[in-house]
């Protein structure tokens, strides 16, 4: 069976530290796969905010997620903190990808917990239509 293999970019334009919450932990005693998706959402919000954008106000457009891929690498537990890296990649006429790398520190070594990619499409919620990536977004995220 083929597995998802993500190739991370060489550089990330943003990083933030996020603690693992008790609500992220599942019955197996580690962070659940659904919680990883929630953590990615938090990273994306902080990434956009870093550039003075939000998902609802992105240079005159909004964002809608078209797809997500997550490659799980290592467990996370309550009390761990992750260093989350993000960057915009794969610009197209109507969207782009955001690539993520989540890491934790074990014995002074940074270990990758997950690699992920979300496909983001520019969207006008009023007309319910896809729209082109605004120029200010291109200039800001892909400079």
Protein backbone atom coordinates (compact mmCIF):
# COMPACT_ATOMS: atom_id res chain seq x y z
CA UNK A 1 0.00 0.00 0.00
CA UNK A 2 1.41 3.38 -1.00
CA UNK A 3 2.03 5.80 1.85
CA UNK A 4 2.00 9.60 1.78
CA UNK A 5 5.53 10.95 1.58
CA UNK A 6 5.93 14.71 1.86
CA UNK A 7 9.13 16.47 0.88
CA UNK A 8 9.54 19.55 3.08
CA UNK A 9 10.90 22.79 1.63
CA UNK A 10 14.43 23.78 2.58
CA UNK A 11 13.31 26.93 4.41
CA UNK A 12 10.29 27.99 6.41
CA UNK A 13 9.27 31.64 6.73
CA UNK A 14 7.50 31.31 10.11
CA UNK A 15 7.75 29.36 13.34
CA UNK A 16 5.90 29.30 16.65
CA UNK A 17 5.88 27.22 19.81
CA UNK A 18 2.64 25.50 20.86
CA UNK A 19 2.08 23.41 24.01
CA UNK A 20 0.20 20.11 23.81
CA UNK A 21 -3.09 20.41 25.68
CA UNK A 22 -4.73 17.61 27.63
CA UNK A 23 -7.65 17.84 25.20
CA UNK A 24 -5.24 16.86 22.37
CA UNK A 25 -4.57 13.46 23.98
CA UNK A 26 -6.62 10.42 22.95
CA UNK A 27 -7.40 7.11 24.67
CA UNK A 28 -4.03 5.76 23.49
CA UNK A 29 -2.32 8.30 25.74
CA UNK A 30 -0.79 10.31 22.91
CA UNK A 31 -1.89 13.20 20.68
CA UNK A 32 -4.59 11.98 18.30
CA UNK A 33 -4.51 12.42 14.55
CA UNK A 34 -7.54 14.70 14.73
CA UNK A 35 -5.70 16.91 17.22
CA UNK A 36 -2.76 17.22 14.82
CA UNK A 37 -5.17 18.70 12.26
CA UNK A 38 -6.37 21.13 14.93
CA UNK A 39 -2.77 22.09 15.72
CA UNK A 40 -2.17 22.74 12.02
CA UNK A 41 -5.16 25.07 12.01
CA UNK A 42 -3.67 27.01 14.94
CA UNK A 43 -0.30 27.21 13.19
CA UNK A 44 -2.00 28.44 10.01
CA UNK A 45 -3.88 31.15 11.93
CA UNK A 46 -0.65 32.35 13.58
CA UNK A 47 1.21 32.17 10.25
CA UNK A 48 -1.42 34.34 8.53
CA UNK A 49 -1.58 36.74 11.49
CA UNK A 50 2.21 37.15 11.29
CA UNK A 51 1.63 38.65 7.83
CA UNK A 52 -1.42 40.68 8.96
CA UNK A 53 -3.90 38.35 7.26
CA UNK A 54 -6.67 36.06 8.49
CA UNK A 55 -8.53 33.23 6.80
CA UNK A 56 -11.49 35.56 6.33
CA UNK A 57 -9.47 38.63 5.26
CA UNK A 58 -6.66 37.74 2.93
CA UNK A 59 -6.04 40.88 0.89
CA UNK A 60 -9.67 41.08 -0.25
CA UNK A 61 -10.34 37.34 -0.41
CA UNK A 62 -10.92 34.58 2.10
CA UNK A 63 -9.43 31.11 2.30
CA UNK A 64 -10.98 27.69 2.12
CA UNK A 65 -9.03 24.45 2.57
CA UNK A 66 -9.20 22.18 -0.46
CA UNK A 67 -7.10 19.30 0.84
CA UNK A 68 -4.73 18.19 3.55
CA UNK A 69 -1.96 15.60 3.76
CA UNK A 70 -0.28 14.60 7.01
CA UNK A 71 2.69 12.29 7.41
CA UNK A 72 2.98 11.17 11.03
CA UNK A 73 6.55 10.60 12.23
CA UNK A 74 6.63 10.47 16.05
CA UNK A 75 4.31 10.54 19.04
CA UNK A 76 3.43 13.61 21.06
CA UNK A 77 2.32 13.52 24.68
CA UNK A 78 0.71 15.84 27.19
CA UNK A 79 3.37 18.22 28.49
CA UNK A 80 5.31 18.24 25.22
CA UNK A 81 5.72 21.50 23.34
CA UNK A 82 6.00 21.56 19.61
CA UNK A 83 7.96 23.94 17.45
CA UNK A 84 5.77 24.47 14.41
CA UNK A 85 7.21 25.72 11.14
CA UNK A 86 5.11 26.96 8.20
CA UNK A 87 5.64 28.48 4.78
CA UNK A 88 3.60 29.14 1.64
CA UNK A 89 4.49 27.05 -1.42
CA UNK A 90 3.11 26.05 -4.83
CA UNK A 91 1.41 29.31 -5.85
CA UNK A 92 -1.28 28.89 -8.51
CA UNK A 93 -3.80 31.30 -10.03
CA UNK A 94 -6.42 30.65 -7.32
CA UNK A 95 -4.47 29.26 -4.39
CA UNK A 96 -1.34 27.94 -2.78
CA UNK A 97 -0.15 25.31 -0.37
CA UNK A 98 0.97 25.85 3.19
CA UNK A 99 3.63 23.37 4.25
CA UNK A 100 4.16 22.54 7.93
CA UNK A 101 6.81 20.79 9.97
CA UNK A 102 6.00 19.99 13.61
CA UNK A 103 8.93 19.08 15.86
CA UNK A 104 9.66 18.38 19.50
CA UNK A 105 12.93 18.27 21.40
CA UNK A 106 14.18 14.97 22.81
CA UNK A 107 17.55 14.91 24.59
CA UNK A 108 18.49 18.30 23.08
CA UNK A 109 17.73 17.00 19.57
CA UNK A 110 14.91 18.31 17.35
CA UNK A 111 12.74 15.39 16.20
CA UNK A 112 10.10 15.71 13.48
CA UNK A 113 6.66 14.75 14.76
CA UNK A 114 4.70 15.39 11.56
CA UNK A 115 4.98 16.88 8.10
CA UNK A 116 1.85 18.32 6.56
CA UNK A 117 0.52 20.29 3.63
CA UNK A 118 -2.79 22.09 3.26
CA UNK A 119 -4.13 23.23 -0.10
CA UNK A 120 -5.65 26.68 0.33
CA UNK A 121 -7.98 28.25 -2.24
CA UNK A 122 -8.95 31.93 -2.36
CA UNK A 123 -12.70 32.18 -2.00
CA UNK A 124 -15.38 34.87 -1.96
CA UNK A 125 -17.94 33.81 0.65
CA UNK A 126 -20.46 36.41 -0.53
CA UNK A 127 -20.64 35.15 -4.12
CA UNK A 128 -19.63 31.58 -3.11
CA UNK A 129 -16.99 31.56 -5.86
CA UNK A 130 -13.30 30.84 -6.16
CA UNK A 131 -11.21 33.90 -6.91
CA UNK A 132 -7.65 34.71 -7.96
CA UNK A 133 -4.93 35.08 -5.35
CA UNK A 134 -4.71 38.82 -4.58
CA UNK A 135 -1.49 40.56 -5.63
CA UNK A 136 -0.76 41.67 -2.05
CA UNK A 137 -0.81 38.01 -0.96
CA UNK A 138 1.59 37.03 -3.74
CA UNK A 139 3.96 39.88 -2.82
CA UNK A 140 3.76 39.14 0.91
CA UNK A 141 3.88 35.35 1.09
CA UNK A 142 6.03 34.70 -1.97
CA UNK A 143 8.53 37.58 -1.81
